N, C-alpha and C. Protein backbone atom coordinates (compact mmCIF):
# COMPACT_ATOMS: atom_id res chain seq x y z
N MET A 1 -14.76 128.88 35.44
CA MET A 1 -14.80 127.39 36.25
C MET A 1 -14.17 126.85 34.86
N VAL A 2 -12.77 125.86 34.78
CA VAL A 2 -13.25 125.14 33.80
C VAL A 2 -13.43 123.74 34.24
N PHE A 3 -14.21 123.22 32.98
CA PHE A 3 -14.53 121.80 32.83
C PHE A 3 -15.29 121.10 34.50
N GLY A 4 -15.48 122.12 34.48
CA GLY A 4 -16.22 121.24 36.38
C GLY A 4 -14.86 121.68 37.01
N ARG A 5 -13.50 122.06 37.60
CA ARG A 5 -13.96 122.37 38.30
C ARG A 5 -13.46 124.44 39.16
N PRO A 6 -13.05 124.61 39.77
CA PRO A 6 -12.70 126.04 40.00
C PRO A 6 -11.65 126.37 39.24
N ALA A 7 -11.32 127.24 38.78
CA ALA A 7 -10.34 128.25 38.48
C ALA A 7 -8.88 128.44 39.70
N ALA A 8 -7.53 127.72 38.55
CA ALA A 8 -6.33 127.08 40.24
C ALA A 8 -6.37 129.16 39.88
N ARG A 9 -5.40 130.01 41.26
CA ARG A 9 -4.58 130.92 41.05
C ARG A 9 -3.68 129.95 40.49
N SER A 10 -3.28 131.21 40.21
CA SER A 10 -1.36 131.25 39.00
C SER A 10 -0.52 131.06 40.44
N GLY A 11 -0.43 130.00 39.51
CA GLY A 11 0.80 129.29 39.76
C GLY A 11 0.59 127.98 40.62
N HIS A 12 1.61 127.48 41.17
CA HIS A 12 0.89 126.09 41.72
C HIS A 12 1.21 126.79 43.69
N PRO A 13 -0.19 126.29 44.21
CA PRO A 13 -1.20 126.24 45.20
C PRO A 13 0.54 125.93 46.44
N ALA A 14 0.59 125.00 46.41
CA ALA A 14 1.96 124.96 47.73
C ALA A 14 3.11 125.97 47.61
N MET A 15 3.28 126.42 45.92
CA MET A 15 4.35 127.50 46.04
C MET A 15 4.15 128.35 46.43
N ASN A 16 2.79 129.01 46.60
CA ASN A 16 2.33 130.51 47.31
C ASN A 16 2.40 129.90 48.47
N ASP A 17 2.47 128.78 49.15
CA ASP A 17 2.71 128.81 50.45
C ASP A 17 4.25 129.29 51.57
N PHE A 18 4.74 128.52 49.96
CA PHE A 18 6.03 128.53 50.43
C PHE A 18 7.42 129.20 51.67
N PRO A 19 6.67 130.87 51.13
CA PRO A 19 7.63 132.30 52.34
C PRO A 19 7.02 131.79 53.76
N GLN A 20 5.41 131.73 53.13
CA GLN A 20 5.70 131.30 55.39
C GLN A 20 5.23 129.92 56.10
N LYS A 21 5.52 129.29 54.52
CA LYS A 21 6.15 127.88 55.24
C LYS A 21 7.40 127.72 55.94
N LEU A 22 8.96 127.97 55.49
CA LEU A 22 9.70 128.59 54.90
C LEU A 22 10.79 128.57 56.52
N PRO A 23 9.95 128.92 57.03
CA PRO A 23 10.80 129.45 59.15
C PRO A 23 10.14 128.19 59.49
N GLU A 24 9.06 128.00 59.74
CA GLU A 24 7.65 126.39 60.36
C GLU A 24 9.20 125.34 59.80
N PHE A 25 10.03 125.30 58.33
CA PHE A 25 10.39 124.09 58.12
C PHE A 25 11.59 124.58 58.52
N ILE A 26 12.56 125.29 58.59
CA ILE A 26 13.71 125.72 58.92
C ILE A 26 13.71 125.31 60.09
N HIS A 27 12.50 125.71 61.58
CA HIS A 27 12.13 125.16 62.33
C HIS A 27 12.45 124.26 63.28
N ASN A 28 11.64 123.17 61.95
CA ASN A 28 11.68 121.48 62.35
C ASN A 28 13.07 120.81 61.11
N HIS A 29 13.50 122.14 61.13
CA HIS A 29 14.39 120.74 60.69
C HIS A 29 15.86 121.74 60.12
N TRP A 30 16.37 121.68 61.48
CA TRP A 30 17.37 123.41 62.28
C TRP A 30 19.08 122.14 61.06
N ALA A 31 18.61 120.91 62.23
CA ALA A 31 20.25 120.39 61.22
C ALA A 31 19.92 120.18 60.12
N LEU A 32 19.38 119.57 58.96
CA LEU A 32 19.09 119.15 57.62
C LEU A 32 19.33 120.58 57.09
N CYS A 33 19.33 121.93 57.82
CA CYS A 33 19.65 123.09 57.34
C CYS A 33 20.52 123.83 57.31
N LEU A 34 21.02 123.56 58.04
CA LEU A 34 22.94 123.67 58.84
C LEU A 34 24.05 123.22 57.96
N LEU A 35 23.90 121.63 57.86
CA LEU A 35 23.71 121.17 56.06
C LEU A 35 24.27 121.48 55.50
N PHE A 36 22.73 122.19 54.50
CA PHE A 36 23.17 122.11 53.80
C PHE A 36 23.20 124.16 53.85
N VAL A 37 23.65 124.56 54.40
CA VAL A 37 25.03 125.75 54.76
C VAL A 37 26.28 125.83 54.44
N ILE A 38 26.23 124.80 55.60
CA ILE A 38 27.36 124.36 55.29
C ILE A 38 28.20 124.66 53.76
N LEU A 39 27.38 122.93 53.36
CA LEU A 39 27.83 122.78 52.13
C LEU A 39 28.13 123.00 50.89
N LEU A 40 27.42 124.41 51.55
CA LEU A 40 26.82 125.37 50.61
C LEU A 40 28.24 126.38 50.72
N VAL A 41 28.40 127.02 51.91
CA VAL A 41 29.48 127.88 51.68
C VAL A 41 30.85 126.85 51.21
N GLY A 42 31.60 125.43 51.56
CA GLY A 42 31.82 124.88 51.94
C GLY A 42 32.29 124.80 49.71
N LEU A 43 31.48 124.37 48.87
CA LEU A 43 31.32 124.42 47.93
C LEU A 43 31.29 125.54 46.69
N ILE A 44 31.26 126.45 47.72
CA ILE A 44 31.94 128.06 46.71
C ILE A 44 33.34 129.00 47.33
N VAL A 45 33.73 128.60 48.23
CA VAL A 45 34.36 128.55 49.19
C VAL A 45 35.89 128.04 48.05
N THR A 46 35.44 126.26 48.37
CA THR A 46 36.22 125.92 46.84
C THR A 46 36.20 126.20 45.21
N GLN A 47 35.01 126.53 44.95
CA GLN A 47 35.42 127.10 43.85
C GLN A 47 35.83 128.44 43.29
N LEU A 48 35.55 129.31 44.41
CA LEU A 48 36.66 130.52 44.60
C LEU A 48 37.85 130.89 44.09
N MET A 49 38.34 129.65 45.31
CA MET A 49 39.35 129.13 45.39
C MET A 49 40.86 128.50 44.05
N HIS A 50 38.88 127.96 43.55
CA HIS A 50 39.83 127.49 42.41
C HIS A 50 39.91 128.48 41.10
N MET A 51 39.02 129.74 41.41
CA MET A 51 39.26 130.15 39.79
C MET A 51 40.77 131.14 40.54
N LEU A 52 41.19 132.07 40.83
CA LEU A 52 42.06 132.57 42.17
C LEU A 52 42.95 131.96 41.66
N ARG A 53 43.67 130.52 41.54
CA ARG A 53 44.69 129.64 41.91
C ARG A 53 45.72 130.99 40.83
N LYS A 54 46.28 130.14 40.16
CA LYS A 54 47.90 131.05 39.38
C LYS A 54 47.90 129.90 38.39
N ASP A 55 47.77 129.34 38.44
CA ASP A 55 48.52 127.93 37.79
C ASP A 55 47.04 126.95 38.03
N LYS A 56 47.20 125.94 36.37
CA LYS A 56 45.15 125.90 36.19
C LYS A 56 46.16 124.40 35.74
N SER A 57 45.44 123.67 35.89
CA SER A 57 45.37 121.79 36.07
C SER A 57 44.74 121.53 34.01
N LEU A 58 44.59 120.77 33.48
CA LEU A 58 45.08 120.58 32.48
C LEU A 58 44.56 119.71 31.24
N THR A 59 43.56 119.06 30.89
CA THR A 59 43.31 117.40 30.62
C THR A 59 44.44 117.83 29.74
N PRO A 60 44.24 115.48 29.60
CA PRO A 60 44.97 115.45 28.03
C PRO A 60 45.09 115.78 27.29
N ALA A 61 44.39 116.24 26.86
CA ALA A 61 44.07 116.84 25.07
C ALA A 61 44.17 118.17 25.16
N GLN A 62 44.17 119.21 26.05
CA GLN A 62 44.73 120.62 26.20
C GLN A 62 46.02 120.87 26.89
N LEU A 63 46.57 119.20 27.19
CA LEU A 63 48.11 119.60 27.40
C LEU A 63 49.03 119.65 25.85
N THR A 64 47.83 118.32 24.89
CA THR A 64 48.34 118.55 24.04
C THR A 64 48.85 119.82 22.57
N GLN A 65 47.36 119.79 23.24
CA GLN A 65 47.75 122.25 22.67
C GLN A 65 48.20 121.83 22.46
N LEU A 66 49.09 122.70 23.39
CA LEU A 66 50.22 123.83 23.72
C LEU A 66 50.87 123.51 23.90
N ILE A 67 51.38 122.02 23.84
CA ILE A 67 52.66 121.20 23.46
C ILE A 67 52.95 121.83 21.80
N ASN A 68 51.55 121.44 21.18
CA ASN A 68 51.50 121.84 19.91
C ASN A 68 51.51 123.50 19.32
N ARG A 69 50.91 123.92 19.73
CA ARG A 69 50.86 124.78 18.87
C ARG A 69 52.43 126.40 20.36
N GLU A 70 52.14 125.57 21.59
CA GLU A 70 52.82 126.85 22.32
C GLU A 70 54.68 126.48 22.52
N ASN A 71 54.23 125.45 22.13
CA ASN A 71 55.50 124.62 22.74
C ASN A 71 56.39 124.79 23.93
N ALA A 72 55.12 123.86 24.91
CA ALA A 72 55.63 124.42 26.39
C ALA A 72 56.42 123.21 26.85
N LEU A 73 57.32 123.61 27.53
CA LEU A 73 58.47 122.51 28.36
C LEU A 73 57.19 121.91 29.40
N VAL A 74 57.91 120.28 29.21
CA VAL A 74 56.79 119.13 30.45
C VAL A 74 58.06 119.05 31.07
N ILE A 75 57.50 119.20 31.96
CA ILE A 75 58.40 118.54 33.22
C ILE A 75 58.16 117.98 34.12
N ASP A 76 58.44 116.67 33.62
CA ASP A 76 58.09 115.43 35.10
C ASP A 76 58.86 115.20 36.11
N ILE A 77 57.89 115.09 37.34
CA ILE A 77 59.03 115.07 38.47
C ILE A 77 58.24 114.55 39.01
N SER A 78 58.29 112.77 38.82
CA SER A 78 58.03 112.04 39.18
C SER A 78 59.52 111.02 39.32
N PRO A 79 59.38 110.19 39.99
CA PRO A 79 60.40 109.28 40.23
C PRO A 79 60.64 108.68 39.42
N LEU A 80 61.84 108.63 39.11
CA LEU A 80 62.80 108.18 37.95
C LEU A 80 62.60 106.58 37.53
N GLY A 81 61.95 105.90 38.25
CA GLY A 81 61.52 104.44 37.93
C GLY A 81 60.80 104.88 37.31
N ASP A 82 59.88 105.71 37.66
CA ASP A 82 57.88 105.58 37.17
C ASP A 82 58.35 106.96 35.30
N TYR A 83 59.30 107.25 35.55
CA TYR A 83 58.87 108.97 34.39
C TYR A 83 60.00 107.24 33.72
N GLU A 84 61.35 106.84 34.32
CA GLU A 84 61.60 105.40 33.53
C GLU A 84 60.47 104.79 33.03
N LYS A 85 59.84 103.74 33.08
CA LYS A 85 58.41 102.94 32.55
C LYS A 85 57.23 103.77 31.74
N ALA A 86 57.24 105.06 31.74
CA ALA A 86 56.41 105.99 30.83
C ALA A 86 56.37 107.78 30.96
N HIS A 87 56.47 108.15 30.37
CA HIS A 87 55.79 109.47 30.53
C HIS A 87 56.23 110.46 29.03
N ILE A 88 55.60 110.89 28.99
CA ILE A 88 55.21 112.37 27.32
C ILE A 88 56.29 112.46 26.37
N PRO A 89 56.48 112.37 25.98
CA PRO A 89 57.74 112.00 25.08
C PRO A 89 58.12 113.82 24.73
N GLY A 90 59.29 114.12 25.28
CA GLY A 90 59.30 115.24 25.40
C GLY A 90 59.86 115.90 26.21
N ALA A 91 59.17 115.15 27.50
CA ALA A 91 58.90 115.83 29.02
C ALA A 91 60.14 115.37 29.47
N LYS A 92 60.82 116.56 30.42
CA LYS A 92 62.24 116.97 30.62
C LYS A 92 62.45 116.35 32.62
N HIS A 93 63.01 114.69 33.08
CA HIS A 93 62.65 114.66 34.13
C HIS A 93 64.13 114.99 35.36
N VAL A 94 63.01 116.19 35.87
CA VAL A 94 63.61 116.05 37.38
C VAL A 94 62.65 116.26 38.64
N ALA A 95 63.58 115.40 39.90
CA ALA A 95 63.66 114.85 40.69
C ALA A 95 62.72 115.93 41.56
N MET A 96 62.17 115.97 42.26
CA MET A 96 60.73 116.88 42.99
C MET A 96 62.13 116.94 44.04
N SER A 97 63.04 116.42 45.06
CA SER A 97 64.26 116.68 45.19
C SER A 97 64.83 117.19 45.06
N GLN A 98 65.58 117.42 43.93
CA GLN A 98 65.93 118.58 42.86
C GLN A 98 65.00 119.77 41.81
N PHE A 99 63.94 120.08 42.42
CA PHE A 99 63.09 120.98 41.44
C PHE A 99 63.32 121.82 42.34
N ASP A 100 63.96 122.74 41.52
CA ASP A 100 64.24 124.27 41.93
C ASP A 100 63.46 125.31 40.73
N PRO A 101 62.57 126.09 41.37
CA PRO A 101 62.28 127.23 39.92
C PRO A 101 63.47 128.41 40.23
N GLU A 102 64.17 128.18 41.08
CA GLU A 102 65.67 128.83 40.93
C GLU A 102 66.68 129.00 39.74
N ASN A 103 66.23 127.98 39.61
CA ASN A 103 67.56 127.21 38.39
C ASN A 103 67.54 128.20 37.51
N LYS A 104 68.44 128.63 37.06
CA LYS A 104 69.50 129.45 35.79
C LYS A 104 69.07 128.29 34.45
N GLU A 105 68.84 127.53 34.63
CA GLU A 105 68.41 126.69 33.29
C GLU A 105 66.30 127.13 32.96
N LEU A 106 65.97 127.24 34.46
CA LEU A 106 64.39 126.50 33.96
C LEU A 106 64.28 128.56 34.25
N ALA A 107 65.29 129.54 34.66
CA ALA A 107 64.75 131.30 34.57
C ALA A 107 64.47 130.75 32.78
N LYS A 108 65.69 130.88 32.56
CA LYS A 108 65.53 130.58 30.97
C LYS A 108 63.79 130.78 30.29
N VAL A 109 63.09 129.69 31.29
CA VAL A 109 61.74 130.06 30.14
C VAL A 109 60.72 130.49 31.35
N LYS A 110 60.94 131.47 32.09
CA LYS A 110 60.74 132.40 32.49
C LYS A 110 59.00 132.85 32.20
N ASP A 111 58.94 132.85 30.73
CA ASP A 111 57.87 134.04 29.93
C ASP A 111 57.60 132.31 28.85
N MET A 112 57.97 130.93 28.61
CA MET A 112 57.55 130.49 28.68
C MET A 112 56.69 129.53 29.35
N PRO A 113 55.26 128.87 28.02
CA PRO A 113 54.74 127.74 29.48
C PRO A 113 54.76 126.77 29.36
N VAL A 114 54.72 126.47 31.59
CA VAL A 114 55.24 125.49 31.30
C VAL A 114 54.46 124.07 32.08
N VAL A 115 54.85 123.27 31.66
CA VAL A 115 53.59 122.40 32.90
C VAL A 115 54.43 121.72 33.44
N VAL A 116 54.01 120.84 34.52
CA VAL A 116 54.12 119.71 35.44
C VAL A 116 53.35 118.98 35.17
N VAL A 117 54.37 117.67 35.32
CA VAL A 117 53.48 116.64 35.81
C VAL A 117 54.31 115.52 36.88
N CYS A 118 53.67 114.81 37.03
CA CYS A 118 53.61 113.78 38.33
C CYS A 118 52.91 112.49 37.76
N LYS A 119 52.76 111.39 38.75
CA LYS A 119 52.20 110.36 39.09
C LYS A 119 50.78 110.78 37.98
N THR A 120 50.29 111.19 39.49
CA THR A 120 48.94 111.21 39.98
C THR A 120 48.10 112.99 39.94
N GLY A 121 49.92 113.94 40.00
CA GLY A 121 48.51 115.41 40.06
C GLY A 121 48.96 116.11 40.97
N GLN A 122 48.93 114.93 42.07
CA GLN A 122 49.12 115.72 43.64
C GLN A 122 50.43 116.81 44.41
N THR A 123 51.88 115.52 43.29
CA THR A 123 53.02 115.72 43.79
C THR A 123 53.06 117.24 42.50
N ALA A 124 52.76 117.51 41.37
CA ALA A 124 52.55 118.86 40.80
C ALA A 124 51.93 120.03 40.82
N ALA A 125 50.60 119.93 41.74
CA ALA A 125 50.72 121.18 42.61
C ALA A 125 51.86 121.74 43.34
N LYS A 126 52.62 120.99 43.98
CA LYS A 126 53.02 121.85 45.04
C LYS A 126 53.97 122.16 43.81
N ALA A 127 54.69 121.48 43.17
CA ALA A 127 55.98 121.51 42.62
C ALA A 127 54.81 123.17 41.34
N THR A 128 54.38 123.78 40.88
CA THR A 128 53.45 124.49 40.08
C THR A 128 53.06 125.87 41.58
N GLN A 129 53.26 125.61 42.73
CA GLN A 129 52.77 126.36 43.35
C GLN A 129 54.22 127.13 43.54
N ARG A 130 55.40 126.38 43.78
CA ARG A 130 57.14 127.11 43.73
C ARG A 130 56.81 127.69 42.92
N LEU A 131 56.54 127.22 41.63
CA LEU A 131 57.20 128.27 40.20
C LEU A 131 56.23 129.28 40.21
N VAL A 132 55.24 129.47 40.73
CA VAL A 132 54.26 130.71 40.84
C VAL A 132 55.42 131.49 41.59
N LYS A 133 56.05 130.90 43.54
CA LYS A 133 56.07 132.18 43.76
C LYS A 133 57.35 132.14 43.20
N ALA A 134 58.00 131.51 42.54
CA ALA A 134 59.53 132.30 41.48
C ALA A 134 59.04 132.71 40.76
N GLY A 135 57.68 133.72 40.57
CA GLY A 135 57.59 134.44 39.04
C GLY A 135 57.11 134.27 37.88
N PHE A 136 57.54 132.73 37.60
CA PHE A 136 56.93 132.31 35.99
C PHE A 136 55.44 131.80 36.01
N GLN A 137 54.76 132.96 34.95
CA GLN A 137 53.62 133.07 34.80
C GLN A 137 52.63 132.20 34.37
N ARG A 138 53.13 131.63 33.92
CA ARG A 138 52.13 130.42 32.73
C ARG A 138 52.94 128.94 33.12
N VAL A 139 52.28 129.09 34.17
CA VAL A 139 51.88 127.41 34.78
C VAL A 139 50.99 127.16 35.22
N TYR A 140 50.97 125.28 34.87
CA TYR A 140 50.48 124.64 34.56
C TYR A 140 50.16 122.77 35.17
N ARG A 141 49.84 122.52 35.46
CA ARG A 141 49.96 121.43 35.53
C ARG A 141 49.12 119.63 34.41
N LEU A 142 49.39 118.39 34.81
CA LEU A 142 48.73 118.15 34.32
C LEU A 142 47.43 117.11 34.95
N ASN A 143 46.25 117.48 35.45
CA ASN A 143 45.14 117.29 35.79
C ASN A 143 45.24 115.15 35.71
N ASN A 144 45.56 114.73 37.36
CA ASN A 144 45.83 113.27 37.09
C ASN A 144 46.52 112.92 36.65
N GLY A 145 48.46 113.48 36.57
CA GLY A 145 49.57 113.22 36.25
C GLY A 145 49.77 112.39 35.22
N MET A 146 50.06 111.09 35.08
CA MET A 146 50.69 111.02 34.28
C MET A 146 48.98 109.18 33.85
N MET A 147 48.36 109.50 35.21
CA MET A 147 47.30 108.45 34.90
C MET A 147 46.51 108.90 33.55
N SER A 148 45.85 110.45 33.51
CA SER A 148 45.05 110.91 33.14
C SER A 148 45.94 110.64 31.22
N TRP A 149 46.94 110.89 31.00
CA TRP A 149 47.24 110.24 29.99
C TRP A 149 47.39 109.74 28.78
N LYS A 150 47.72 108.60 30.76
CA LYS A 150 47.17 106.53 30.18
C LYS A 150 45.78 106.44 29.03
N GLN A 151 45.57 106.92 30.50
CA GLN A 151 43.92 106.51 30.34
C GLN A 151 43.53 107.21 28.72
N ALA A 152 43.66 108.19 28.42
CA ALA A 152 43.17 109.16 27.40
C ALA A 152 44.11 108.14 25.86
N ASP A 153 44.85 107.42 26.00
CA ASP A 153 45.40 106.65 25.19
C ASP A 153 45.95 107.52 24.78
N LEU A 154 46.88 108.53 25.06
CA LEU A 154 48.17 109.33 24.23
C LEU A 154 49.53 108.67 23.89
N PRO A 155 50.11 108.53 23.63
CA PRO A 155 51.57 108.07 22.80
C PRO A 155 52.49 107.74 24.57
N VAL A 156 53.44 107.30 24.88
CA VAL A 156 54.10 107.56 25.67
C VAL A 156 55.99 106.93 25.40
N SER A 157 56.69 107.65 26.49
CA SER A 157 58.45 107.37 26.12
C SER A 157 58.76 106.73 27.18
N LYS A 158 59.28 105.29 26.64
CA LYS A 158 60.20 104.86 27.59
C LYS A 158 61.78 104.54 28.09
N GLY A 159 62.17 105.21 29.21
CA GLY A 159 63.79 105.13 29.05
C GLY A 159 63.89 106.82 30.00
N ARG A 160 65.14 106.82 29.51
CA ARG A 160 65.39 108.38 29.92
C ARG A 160 65.14 109.41 29.26
N ASN A 161 65.30 109.41 28.06
CA ASN A 161 65.07 110.39 27.49
C ASN A 161 63.73 110.53 26.39
């Protein structure tokens, strides 16, 4: 007895009953448990798909490092008007309708890191998948596209060059 109370069993008393009460809880709250299992499976599948992708997304800081350290080729597939308003310095513009991973100019850089950029990152994801299918080994896309580059307050170029 400790200070007038009986000695407690090891661990929290409610936790000791947990294995016995779990089936009852599941029976009483089956819809909640089913929703939990569905969400858990969805989360696991999403994470596995992300890990198994051949193309990787980059933050603006990671892209800056890749450009500076490995002279990555940056391809901007935004509409020409968006490209002319603001693009990453040194980025080459290729309209998505003209984007061809089998192009002989692109074939020369198959072993280099290639980063695809668009306004929001959605179109770039489609383009990177095409590059991977064409045999490019180091394919990246800017996560959230030019929106994230501008939010990071990084320099932009204007015009066609």
